[in-house]
Protein backbone atom coordinates (compact mmCIF):
# COMPACT_ATOMS: atom_id res chain seq x y z
CA UNK A 1 87.16 8.57 -59.11
CA UNK A 2 88.54 10.45 -56.10
CA UNK A 3 86.33 8.39 -53.79
CA UNK A 4 88.65 5.42 -54.37
CA UNK A 5 91.87 7.15 -55.43
CA UNK A 6 95.16 6.41 -53.70
CA UNK A 7 98.39 8.31 -54.30
CA UNK A 8 101.41 6.08 -53.70
CA UNK A 9 104.66 7.94 -53.00
CA UNK A 10 107.83 5.85 -52.67
CA UNK A 11 111.28 6.03 -54.21
CA UNK A 12 111.52 2.21 -54.23
CA UNK A 13 110.07 0.98 -57.53
CA UNK A 14 109.50 -2.52 -56.15
CA UNK A 15 107.42 -1.15 -53.27
CA UNK A 16 105.46 1.10 -55.63
CA UNK A 17 104.70 -1.80 -57.96
CA UNK A 18 103.64 -4.04 -55.07
CA UNK A 19 101.29 -1.36 -53.74
CA UNK A 20 99.84 -0.67 -57.19
CA UNK A 21 99.13 -4.38 -57.68
CA UNK A 22 97.57 -4.77 -54.24
CA UNK A 23 95.40 -1.65 -54.40
CA UNK A 24 94.17 -2.06 -57.97
CA UNK A 25 93.28 -5.71 -57.25
CA UNK A 26 91.03 -4.36 -54.50
CA UNK A 27 89.23 -2.08 -56.94
CA UNK A 28 91.07 1.11 -56.06
CA UNK A 29 92.52 3.63 -58.49
CA UNK A 30 96.23 4.35 -58.00
CA UNK A 31 98.50 7.19 -59.05
CA UNK A 32 102.18 6.49 -58.34
CA UNK A 33 104.88 9.07 -57.65
CA UNK A 34 108.57 8.33 -57.18
CA UNK A 35 109.17 11.19 -54.74
CA UNK A 36 107.40 13.69 -52.54
CA UNK A 37 108.77 16.48 -54.72
CA UNK A 38 107.26 14.90 -57.85
CA UNK A 39 103.91 14.63 -56.09
CA UNK A 40 103.95 18.24 -54.91
CA UNK A 41 104.99 19.48 -58.35
CA UNK A 42 101.69 18.13 -59.70
CA UNK A 43 99.56 18.76 -56.62
CA UNK A 44 97.40 21.54 -58.03
CA UNK A 45 96.39 19.37 -61.00
CA UNK A 46 95.91 16.13 -59.04
CA UNK A 47 92.54 14.86 -57.82
CA UNK A 48 92.33 14.51 -54.07
CA UNK A 49 92.60 11.10 -52.44
CA UNK A 50 94.34 9.02 -49.82
CA UNK A 51 98.14 9.30 -49.75
CA UNK A 52 100.48 6.44 -48.88
CA UNK A 53 104.02 7.72 -48.46
CA UNK A 54 107.30 6.28 -47.31
CA UNK A 55 108.74 8.21 -44.39
CA UNK A 56 112.39 7.99 -45.50
CA UNK A 57 113.01 9.17 -49.06
CA UNK A 58 115.76 11.04 -50.88
CA UNK A 59 114.98 14.73 -51.09
CA UNK A 60 111.78 15.60 -49.27
CA UNK A 61 110.92 13.16 -46.47
CA UNK A 62 107.49 11.91 -45.55
CA UNK A 63 107.53 14.27 -42.56
CA UNK A 64 108.22 17.28 -44.75
CA UNK A 65 105.46 16.20 -47.12
CA UNK A 66 103.07 15.90 -44.20
CA UNK A 67 103.87 19.45 -43.17
CA UNK A 68 103.28 20.74 -46.70
CA UNK A 69 99.94 18.94 -47.00
CA UNK A 70 98.64 19.94 -43.56
CA UNK A 71 96.42 22.75 -44.95
CA UNK A 72 94.80 20.17 -47.26
CA UNK A 73 94.61 17.26 -44.82
CA UNK A 74 90.90 16.70 -45.51
CA UNK A 75 91.59 16.24 -49.20
CA UNK A 76 94.73 14.15 -48.76
CA UNK A 77 94.69 11.99 -45.61
CA UNK A 78 98.17 10.48 -45.23
CA UNK A 79 99.21 6.95 -44.32
CA UNK A 80 102.90 6.64 -43.50
CA UNK A 81 104.92 3.56 -44.46
CA UNK A 82 107.91 2.91 -42.25
CA UNK A 83 110.71 0.43 -41.75
CA UNK A 84 111.63 -0.68 -38.25
CA UNK A 85 114.48 1.83 -38.03
CA UNK A 86 112.13 4.67 -38.99
CA UNK A 87 109.57 4.12 -36.22
CA UNK A 88 110.52 7.19 -34.11
CA UNK A 89 110.20 9.40 -37.19
CA UNK A 90 106.88 7.78 -38.09
CA UNK A 91 105.54 8.34 -34.58
CA UNK A 92 106.46 11.99 -35.02
CA UNK A 93 104.46 11.93 -38.26
CA UNK A 94 101.40 10.67 -36.35
CA UNK A 95 101.79 13.50 -33.89
CA UNK A 96 101.87 15.92 -36.80
CA UNK A 97 98.66 14.76 -38.43
CA UNK A 98 99.33 11.52 -40.30
CA UNK A 99 96.20 9.41 -40.27
CA UNK A 100 97.94 6.09 -39.65
CA UNK A 101 101.23 4.23 -39.58
CA UNK A 102 101.98 0.97 -41.41
CA UNK A 103 105.22 -0.89 -40.79
CA UNK A 104 107.09 -2.68 -43.57
CA UNK A 105 106.82 -5.47 -44.48
CA UNK A 106 103.07 -4.83 -44.32
CA UNK A 107 100.20 -7.29 -44.30
CA UNK A 108 97.99 -6.82 -47.34
CA UNK A 109 94.68 -7.08 -45.48
CA UNK A 110 95.79 -4.66 -42.79
CA UNK A 111 97.00 -2.08 -45.29
CA UNK A 112 93.80 -2.31 -47.35
CA UNK A 113 91.71 -1.83 -44.21
CA UNK A 114 93.76 1.25 -43.32
CA UNK A 115 93.34 2.68 -46.81
CA UNK A 116 89.58 2.07 -46.82
CA UNK A 117 89.33 3.77 -43.44
CA UNK A 118 91.27 6.77 -44.73
CA UNK A 119 89.06 7.06 -47.81
CA UNK A 120 85.91 6.77 -45.69
CA UNK A 121 87.12 9.48 -43.35
CA UNK A 122 87.94 11.70 -46.30
CA UNK A 123 84.45 11.21 -47.75
CA UNK A 124 82.89 12.01 -44.37
CA UNK A 125 84.98 15.17 -44.08
CA UNK A 126 83.95 16.29 -47.56
CA UNK A 127 80.29 15.61 -46.84
CA UNK A 128 80.54 17.59 -43.62
CA UNK A 129 82.19 20.49 -45.40
CA UNK A 130 79.47 20.47 -48.08
CA UNK A 131 76.80 20.50 -45.38
CA UNK A 132 78.48 23.45 -43.66
CA UNK A 133 78.58 25.41 -46.91
CA UNK A 134 74.89 24.70 -47.61
CA UNK A 135 73.82 25.68 -44.09
CA UNK A 136 75.93 28.85 -44.27
CA UNK A 137 74.09 29.81 -47.46
CA UNK A 138 70.76 29.33 -45.69
CA UNK A 139 71.96 31.48 -42.80
CA UNK A 140 72.79 34.21 -45.29
CA UNK A 141 69.14 34.26 -46.36
CA UNK A 142 68.00 35.30 -42.87
CA UNK A 143 67.23 38.93 -42.11
CA UNK A 144 69.15 40.76 -39.38
CA UNK A 145 66.25 40.37 -36.96
CA UNK A 146 65.85 36.69 -37.79
CA UNK A 147 69.52 36.17 -37.01
CA UNK A 148 69.10 37.88 -33.66
CA UNK A 149 66.16 35.62 -32.85
CA UNK A 150 68.14 32.58 -33.98
CA UNK A 151 71.06 33.54 -31.74
CA UNK A 152 68.69 33.77 -28.80
CA UNK A 153 67.13 30.41 -29.60
CA UNK A 154 70.50 28.67 -30.03
CA UNK A 155 71.60 30.17 -26.72
CA UNK A 156 68.68 28.36 -25.12
CA UNK A 157 66.35 31.29 -24.62
CA UNK A 158 62.59 30.82 -24.51
CA UNK A 159 60.30 32.92 -26.69
CA UNK A 160 59.63 35.23 -23.74
CA UNK A 161 63.33 35.58 -22.94
CA UNK A 162 64.26 36.30 -26.54
CA UNK A 163 61.36 38.76 -26.81
CA UNK A 164 62.50 40.57 -23.68
CA UNK A 165 66.10 40.79 -24.92
CA UNK A 166 65.05 42.16 -28.31
CA UNK A 167 62.24 44.34 -26.95
CA UNK A 168 59.60 42.68 -29.10
CA UNK A 169 56.56 40.56 -28.28
CA UNK A 170 56.68 36.77 -27.79
CA UNK A 171 54.17 36.43 -30.62
CA UNK A 172 56.56 38.28 -32.92
CA UNK A 173 59.35 35.93 -31.83
CA UNK A 174 57.13 32.98 -32.72
CA UNK A 175 56.57 34.45 -36.17
CA UNK A 176 60.30 34.96 -36.70
CA UNK A 177 61.00 31.42 -35.51
CA UNK A 178 58.54 30.01 -38.03
CA UNK A 179 60.26 31.96 -40.83
CA UNK A 180 63.67 30.80 -39.63
CA UNK A 181 62.58 27.15 -39.59
CA UNK A 182 61.28 27.48 -43.13
CA UNK A 183 64.37 29.25 -44.50
CA UNK A 184 66.76 26.86 -42.74
CA UNK A 185 64.66 23.83 -43.79
CA UNK A 186 64.74 22.53 -40.24
CA UNK A 187 62.07 20.07 -39.17
CA UNK A 188 62.56 20.61 -35.44
CA UNK A 189 64.17 22.96 -32.96
CA UNK A 190 66.91 20.44 -32.19
CA UNK A 191 67.75 20.13 -35.88
CA UNK A 192 67.86 23.92 -36.20
CA UNK A 193 70.27 24.17 -33.28
CA UNK A 194 72.48 21.36 -34.64
CA UNK A 195 72.61 22.98 -38.07
CA UNK A 196 73.54 26.37 -36.64
CA UNK A 197 76.23 24.91 -34.39
CA UNK A 198 77.67 22.96 -37.33
CA UNK A 199 77.86 26.02 -39.55
CA UNK A 200 79.58 28.10 -36.87
CA UNK A 201 81.93 25.38 -35.59
CA UNK A 202 85.63 26.00 -36.05
CA UNK A 203 87.52 23.53 -38.26
């Protein structure tokens, strides 16, 4: 469900209804909220998904919502709806992590394309995070010596160079490398390096 879920946040009932009609007609699932506060009140129990929010609302604004959701941006990519007078505020929202900006009145096709792009990016981010977790678990299965060999390999060292650094023989390094490849389920050296870099990359 969350792969096609859109949270619509707008205090204008007419806008909410129009968005619900448009999005559901395109096969998307919609949860509507009449304010940012109402959305945040239920956040912990809500499934993740794309968020479409008005920038100017009574109570918490779209900018304030964006700030609150920043730690969970991968789960809730935000599209900001803005009127012409709100453009400077919306641009500020983009600078602060909003995925995209849609001006009102919006074109249906353009908005749907933006939503699909947001959902695709969210799915990619989740897949990447799952891959990082899986690779990290494989790294945990390595012995201390295997990790040292892996660090040398990822740093670009040859078997001889790694062996010299660790004061072991090149043949022993080869044996460790074979074990590492098996435990990491890597089919090639380049894949092993890519996996290791992915697992250790900062978010």
